[in-house]
Structure formats: C-alpha cells, structure tokens
C-alpha atoms as a PDB file:
ATOM      1  CA  MET A   1     -47.220-205.883  51.820  1.00  0.00           C
ATOM      2  CA  ALA A   2     -50.852-207.015  51.402  1.00  0.00           C
ATOM      3  CA  THR A   3     -53.096-204.809  49.353  1.00  0.00           C
ATOM      4  CA  THR A   4     -56.813-204.332  49.124  1.00  0.00           C
ATOM      5  CA  SER A   5     -58.785-204.859  45.867  1.00  0.00           C
ATOM      6  CA  PRO A   6     -60.777-201.754  44.855  1.00  0.00           C
ATOM      7  CA  SER A   7     -63.961-203.430  43.880  1.00  0.00           C
ATOM      8  CA  MET A   8     -64.713-205.681  46.925  1.00  0.00           C
ATOM      9  CA  GLY A   9     -62.223-204.369  49.293  1.00  0.00           C
ATOM     10  CA  LEU A  10     -60.729-208.051  49.458  1.00  0.00           C
ATOM     11  CA  LYS A  11     -57.089-208.337  51.175  1.00  0.00           C
ATOM     12  CA  ILE A  12     -54.665-209.510  48.620  1.00  0.00           C
ATOM     13  CA  TRP A  13     -51.344-211.323  49.561  1.00  0.00           C
ATOM     14  CA  ASN A  14     -49.311-211.397  46.361  1.00  0.00           C
ATOM     15  CA  LEU A  15     -45.643-211.642  47.673  1.00  0.00           C
ATOM     16  CA  LEU A  16     -44.384-214.726  49.538  1.00  0.00           C
ATOM     17  CA  GLY A  17     -43.384-212.041  52.444  1.00  0.00           C
ATOM     18  CA  ASP A  18     -46.685-210.824  52.748  1.00  0.00           C
ATOM     19  CA  PRO A  19     -47.999-211.398  56.482  1.00  0.00           C
ATOM     20  CA  TYR A  20     -50.903-213.759  56.012  1.00  0.00           C
ATOM     21  CA  ASP A  21     -53.900-213.171  58.468  1.00  0.00           C
ATOM     22  CA  HIS A  22     -56.618-215.790  59.197  1.00  0.00           C
ATOM     23  CA  THR A  23     -58.882-212.970  60.428  1.00  0.00           C
ATOM     24  CA  GLN A  24     -58.514-211.133  56.954  1.00  0.00           C
ATOM     25  CA  LEU A  25     -58.964-214.308  54.980  1.00  0.00           C
ATOM     26  CA  ALA A  26     -62.233-214.987  56.707  1.00  0.00           C
ATOM     27  CA  ASP A  27     -63.270-211.502  56.107  1.00  0.00           C
ATOM     28  CA  ASN A  28     -62.573-212.005  52.583  1.00  0.00           C
ATOM     29  CA  TRP A  29     -64.724-215.186  52.179  1.00  0.00           C
ATOM     30  CA  ALA A  30     -67.587-213.280  53.975  1.00  0.00           C
ATOM     31  CA  LYS A  31     -67.438-210.560  51.510  1.00  0.00           C
ATOM     32  CA  VAL A  32     -67.596-213.168  48.468  1.00  0.00           C
ATOM     33  CA  ASP A  33     -70.436-214.849  50.010  1.00  0.00           C
ATOM     34  CA  GLN A  34     -72.254-211.693  50.570  1.00  0.00           C
ATOM     35  CA  HIS A  35     -71.555-210.576  46.959  1.00  0.00           C
ATOM     36  CA  ASP A  36     -73.230-213.759  45.762  1.00  0.00           C
ATOM     37  CA  HIS A  37     -76.345-212.435  43.792  1.00  0.00           C
ATOM     38  CA  SER A  38     -77.867-216.093  43.226  1.00  0.00           C
ATOM     39  CA  GLU A  39     -81.501-216.196  44.155  1.00  0.00           C
ATOM     40  CA  GLY A  40     -81.859-216.203  47.860  1.00  0.00           C
ATOM     41  CA  LYS A  41     -78.225-215.153  48.740  1.00  0.00           C
ATOM     42  CA  GLY A  42     -76.210-212.074  48.880  1.00  0.00           C
ATOM     43  CA  THR A  43     -77.458-208.528  48.467  1.00  0.00           C
ATOM     44  CA  GLN A  44     -79.617-206.890  45.697  1.00  0.00           C
ATOM     45  CA  ILE A  45     -77.795-205.054  42.986  1.00  0.00           C
ATOM     46  CA  PRO A  46     -78.555-201.168  43.773  1.00  0.00           C
ATOM     47  CA  THR A  47     -81.391-199.710  41.832  1.00  0.00           C
ATOM     48  CA  GLY A  48     -78.940-198.095  39.224  1.00  0.00           C
ATOM     49  CA  GLY A  49     -78.636-201.751  37.911  1.00  0.00           C
ATOM     50  CA  LEU A  50     -75.956-202.972  35.721  1.00  0.00           C
ATOM     51  CA  ALA A  51     -73.905-200.642  33.482  1.00  0.00           C
ATOM     52  CA  ASP A  52     -74.621-200.747  29.748  1.00  0.00           C
ATOM     53  CA  GLY A  53     -72.585-203.436  28.140  1.00  0.00           C
ATOM     54  CA  ALA A  54     -71.400-204.836  31.505  1.00  0.00           C
ATOM     55  CA  VAL A  55     -73.022-208.501  30.433  1.00  0.00           C
ATOM     56  CA  SER A  56     -72.634-210.006  27.119  1.00  0.00           C
ATOM     57  CA  ALA A  57     -75.209-212.240  25.659  1.00  0.00           C
ATOM     58  CA  SER A  58     -72.901-215.215  26.036  1.00  0.00           C
ATOM     59  CA  LYS A  59     -72.925-214.701  29.767  1.00  0.00           C
ATOM     60  CA  LEU A  60     -76.674-214.869  30.298  1.00  0.00           C
ATOM     61  CA  GLY A  61     -78.181-217.872  31.579  1.00  0.00           C
ATOM     62  CA  SER A  62     -81.134-219.868  30.101  1.00  0.00           C
ATOM     63  CA  ALA A  63     -84.470-217.997  30.220  1.00  0.00           C
ATOM     64  CA  SER A  64     -82.738-214.940  32.154  1.00  0.00           C
ATOM     65  CA  VAL A  65     -84.330-212.533  29.602  1.00  0.00           C
ATOM     66  CA  THR A  66     -87.925-213.448  28.888  1.00  0.00           C
ATOM     67  CA  ASP A  67     -90.216-212.219  26.092  1.00  0.00           C
ATOM     68  CA  ASP A  68     -92.154-210.577  28.796  1.00  0.00           C
ATOM     69  CA  LYS A  69     -89.175-208.506  29.931  1.00  0.00           C
ATOM     70  CA  ILE A  70     -88.534-207.317  26.463  1.00  0.00           C
ATOM     71  CA  TYR A  71     -92.107-206.703  25.685  1.00  0.00           C
ATOM     72  CA  LYS A  72     -92.273-204.287  28.626  1.00  0.00           C
ATOM     73  CA  ALA A  73     -89.147-202.492  27.512  1.00  0.00           C
ATOM     74  CA  ALA A  74     -90.681-201.587  24.283  1.00  0.00           C
ATOM     75  CA  ILE A  75     -92.614-198.471  23.795  1.00  0.00           C
ATOM     76  CA  ARG A  76     -95.611-198.858  21.801  1.00  0.00           C
ATOM     77  CA  GLY A  77     -98.794-196.767  20.918  1.00  0.00           C
ATOM     78  CA  ARG A  78    -101.453-195.756  18.659  1.00  0.00           C
ATOM     79  CA  VAL A  79    -101.677-192.388  16.784  1.00  0.00           C
ATOM     80  CA  THR A  80    -104.593-190.726  15.064  1.00  0.00           C
ATOM     81  CA  ALA A  81    -104.381-189.346  11.755  1.00  0.00           C
ATOM     82  CA  GLU A  82    -104.142-185.841  13.145  1.00  0.00           C
ATOM     83  CA  GLY A  83    -101.132-186.867  15.216  1.00  0.00           C
ATOM     84  CA  VAL A  84    -102.954-187.154  18.546  1.00  0.00           C
ATOM     85  CA  VAL A  85    -101.627-189.930  21.011  1.00  0.00           C
ATOM     86  CA  GLU A  86    -104.460-192.235  21.311  1.00  0.00           C
ATOM     87  CA  LEU A  87    -102.803-195.070  23.361  1.00  0.00           C
ATOM     88  CA  GLY A  88     -99.461-195.444  24.727  1.00  0.00           C
ATOM     89  CA  LEU A  89     -97.021-193.977  27.201  1.00  0.00           C
ATOM     90  CA  GLY A  90     -93.216-192.549  26.981  1.00  0.00           C
ATOM     91  CA  PHE A  91     -93.767-190.587  23.764  1.00  0.00           C
ATOM     92  CA  THR A  92     -95.151-187.522  22.113  1.00  0.00           C
ATOM     93  CA  VAL A  93     -96.183-187.034  18.480  1.00  0.00           C
ATOM     94  CA  ALA A  94     -95.989-184.085  16.147  1.00  0.00           C
ATOM     95  CA  LYS A  95     -97.846-184.100  12.867  1.00  0.00           C
ATOM     96  CA  THR A  96     -95.307-182.226  10.404  1.00  0.00           C
ATOM     97  CA  GLY A  97     -97.119-182.524   7.134  1.00  0.00           C
ATOM     98  CA  THR A  98     -99.425-184.755   5.146  1.00  0.00           C
ATOM     99  CA  GLY A  99     -98.675-188.211   6.283  1.00  0.00           C
ATOM    100  CA  LEU A 100     -95.825-187.153   8.151  1.00  0.00           C
ATOM    101  CA  TYR A 101     -95.180-187.549  11.794  1.00  0.00           C
ATOM    102  CA  THR A 102     -92.520-187.268  14.322  1.00  0.00           C
ATOM    103  CA  ILE A 103     -92.407-189.671  17.345  1.00  0.00           C
ATOM    104  CA  THR A 104     -90.300-188.087  20.345  1.00  0.00           C
ATOM    105  CA  PHE A 105     -89.388-190.637  22.942  1.00  0.00           C
ATOM    106  CA  THR A 106     -89.801-189.366  26.513  1.00  0.00           C
ATOM    107  CA  PRO A 107     -87.245-189.786  28.065  1.00  0.00           C
ATOM    108  CA  ALA A 108     -84.479-190.367  25.509  1.00  0.00           C
ATOM    109  CA  LEU A 109     -83.789-194.225  25.123  1.00  0.00           C
ATOM    110  CA  SER A 110     -80.153-195.389  25.864  1.00  0.00           C
ATOM    111  CA  THR A 111     -79.896-196.869  22.120  1.00  0.00           C
ATOM    112  CA  PRO A 112     -81.766-196.252  18.896  1.00  0.00           C
ATOM    113  CA  PRO A 113     -84.757-198.448  18.743  1.00  0.00           C
ATOM    114  CA  ILE A 114     -85.955-200.647  15.957  1.00  0.00           C
ATOM    115  CA  VAL A 115     -89.362-198.966  15.054  1.00  0.00           C
ATOM    116  CA  ILE A 116     -92.294-201.120  13.243  1.00  0.00           C
ATOM    117  CA  GLY A 117     -95.441-199.364  12.214  1.00  0.00           C
ATOM    118  CA  ALA A 118     -98.774-200.395  10.712  1.00  0.00           C
ATOM    119  CA  VAL A 119    -101.647-198.487   9.445  1.00  0.00           C
ATOM    120  CA  PHE A 120    -104.841-198.596  11.828  1.00  0.00           C
ATOM    121  CA  ASN A 121    -108.263-199.824  10.559  1.00  0.00           C
ATOM    122  CA  ALA A 122    -107.185-198.952   7.000  1.00  0.00           C
ATOM    123  CA  SER A 123    -105.093-199.966   4.077  1.00  0.00           C
ATOM    124  CA  GLY A 124    -101.705-198.246   3.744  1.00  0.00           C
ATOM    125  CA  ILE A 125     -97.814-198.499   4.291  1.00  0.00           C
ATOM    126  CA  VAL A 126     -95.915-197.056   7.419  1.00  0.00           C
ATOM    127  CA  THR A 127     -92.205-196.368   7.047  1.00  0.00           C
ATOM    128  CA  THR A 128     -89.932-195.284   9.704  1.00  0.00           C
ATOM    129  CA  THR A 129     -86.630-193.295   9.033  1.00  0.00           C
ATOM    130  CA  LEU A 130     -83.932-191.271  11.025  1.00  0.00           C
ATOM    131  CA  THR A 131     -84.352-193.357  14.090  1.00  0.00           C
ATOM    132  CA  SER A 132     -82.357-192.016  17.066  1.00  0.00           C
ATOM    133  CA  THR A 133     -82.490-192.307  20.888  1.00  0.00           C
ATOM    134  CA  THR A 134     -84.947-189.277  20.998  1.00  0.00           C
ATOM    135  CA  GLU A 135     -87.061-189.710  18.007  1.00  0.00           C
ATOM    136  CA  ALA A 136     -88.429-191.573  14.825  1.00  0.00           C
ATOM    137  CA  LYS A 137     -89.615-190.183  11.587  1.00  0.00           C
ATOM    138  CA  VAL A 138     -92.915-191.804  10.467  1.00  0.00           C
ATOM    139  CA  THR A 139     -94.556-191.708   6.808  1.00  0.00           C
ATOM    140  CA  VAL A 140     -97.844-192.965   6.264  1.00  0.00           C
ATOM    141  CA  LYS A 141     -98.824-193.758   2.519  1.00  0.00           C
ATOM    142  CA  ASN A 142    -101.967-195.125   0.753  1.00  0.00           C
ATOM    143  CA  LEU A 143    -101.415-198.288  -1.454  1.00  0.00           C
ATOM    144  CA  SER A 144    -100.756-195.951  -4.521  1.00  0.00           C
ATOM    145  CA  GLY A 145     -97.663-194.525  -2.672  1.00  0.00           C
ATOM    146  CA  THR A 146     -99.218-191.055  -1.960  1.00  0.00           C
ATOM    147  CA  ALA A 147     -98.634-189.600   1.503  1.00  0.00           C
ATOM    148  CA  GLU A 148    -101.691-189.711   3.498  1.00  0.00           C
ATOM    149  CA  ASN A 149    -102.930-188.839   6.834  1.00  0.00           C
ATOM    150  CA  GLN A 150    -104.125-192.062   8.421  1.00  0.00           C
ATOM    151  CA  SER A 151    -104.008-193.462  12.051  1.00  0.00           C
ATOM    152  CA  PHE A 152    -101.167-195.813  12.659  1.00  0.00           C
ATOM    153  CA  SER A 153     -99.707-197.921  15.603  1.00  0.00           C
ATOM    154  CA  PHE A 154     -96.075-198.569  16.276  1.00  0.00           C
ATOM    155  CA  ILE A 155     -93.778-200.516  18.453  1.00  0.00           C
ATOM    156  CA  ALA A 156     -90.153-199.292  19.321  1.00  0.00           C
ATOM    157  CA  TYR A 157     -87.973-202.203  20.575  1.00  0.00           C
ATOM    158  CA  PRO A 158     -84.692-201.155  22.104  1.00  0.00           C
ATOM    159  CA  SER A 159     -81.685-202.347  19.888  1.00  0.00           C
END
C-alpha cells in the first residue's frame, strides 16, 4: 500500500504490489520542483528560518555566509565610565562597582557570544567573564591592574 511522506507529502511506493499512479507521480515531481529553494525557484523559507543546527558548515556553499552577514548579527556598543549606553542596540548596561559592568543582551541570544572589549579614548584593559546567552560581565582596569571606571567599547559575536 502506498504511503505518504510526512515532510513533503510525497507518495511512496515501496512494495512491488503498490498500485502505481502516473498522476501521483506527477504530483510528487511538482512538489519536489516547488520545494527547490535555489535562486529564482521554489518558495521562500517561512520567516521562522532554519532550525538551529539544521545546516552544518560543510553543507554551506562558497560565500553563502559573508562577513557582512556576520557583522550584522553581532551586538556592538560603546559604554561610558558611568555605565550609560552611548552607542548601540540590543543590550543594556548596569555599573555594579568600580570598573565593573554587566551587559545584558535584550533579547537573550541563542548561544553564548564571544565578547571582545577595549577601553575608549584611554589606556587600560577590558576583560569579559561569565558570558552567557543573557549577559556578559566586564571589568575595566588601568595599566597598573587596578579596577577603574573608564569608557569602553565591545562587540559580541554569536558563537
């Protein structure tokens, strides 16, 4: 007995005694043709996009993910020494102590990001710790290694 595939609704004839039907076969090929997502063909993937982990890096074509697409996905910003967001979107900042800041990603990210920071218009060291999908802890120190309130910039790349 012919069955129907759950993902695309194709007719499957897997037994020698299954009644073969030319109309069903033509319908299968029409569904396959409609499913073709190559440029200019098929239907666009719904706005929900692909599920996380659905495509591995080895399956991506050459130049299918460009630096520009990665750059747009990153969260970046500049924060004053007082913990005020000076530039950037998708995050808030709380100053939690001398040279200590918590960046909260709004909304939460799908994976913990790689966060890189630098002091802004000064000499110093920025370190990030406890990076998660919702926040990153930032410590700013002077060149002597003492925590100090300084403006800093950062970029958080999805991992």
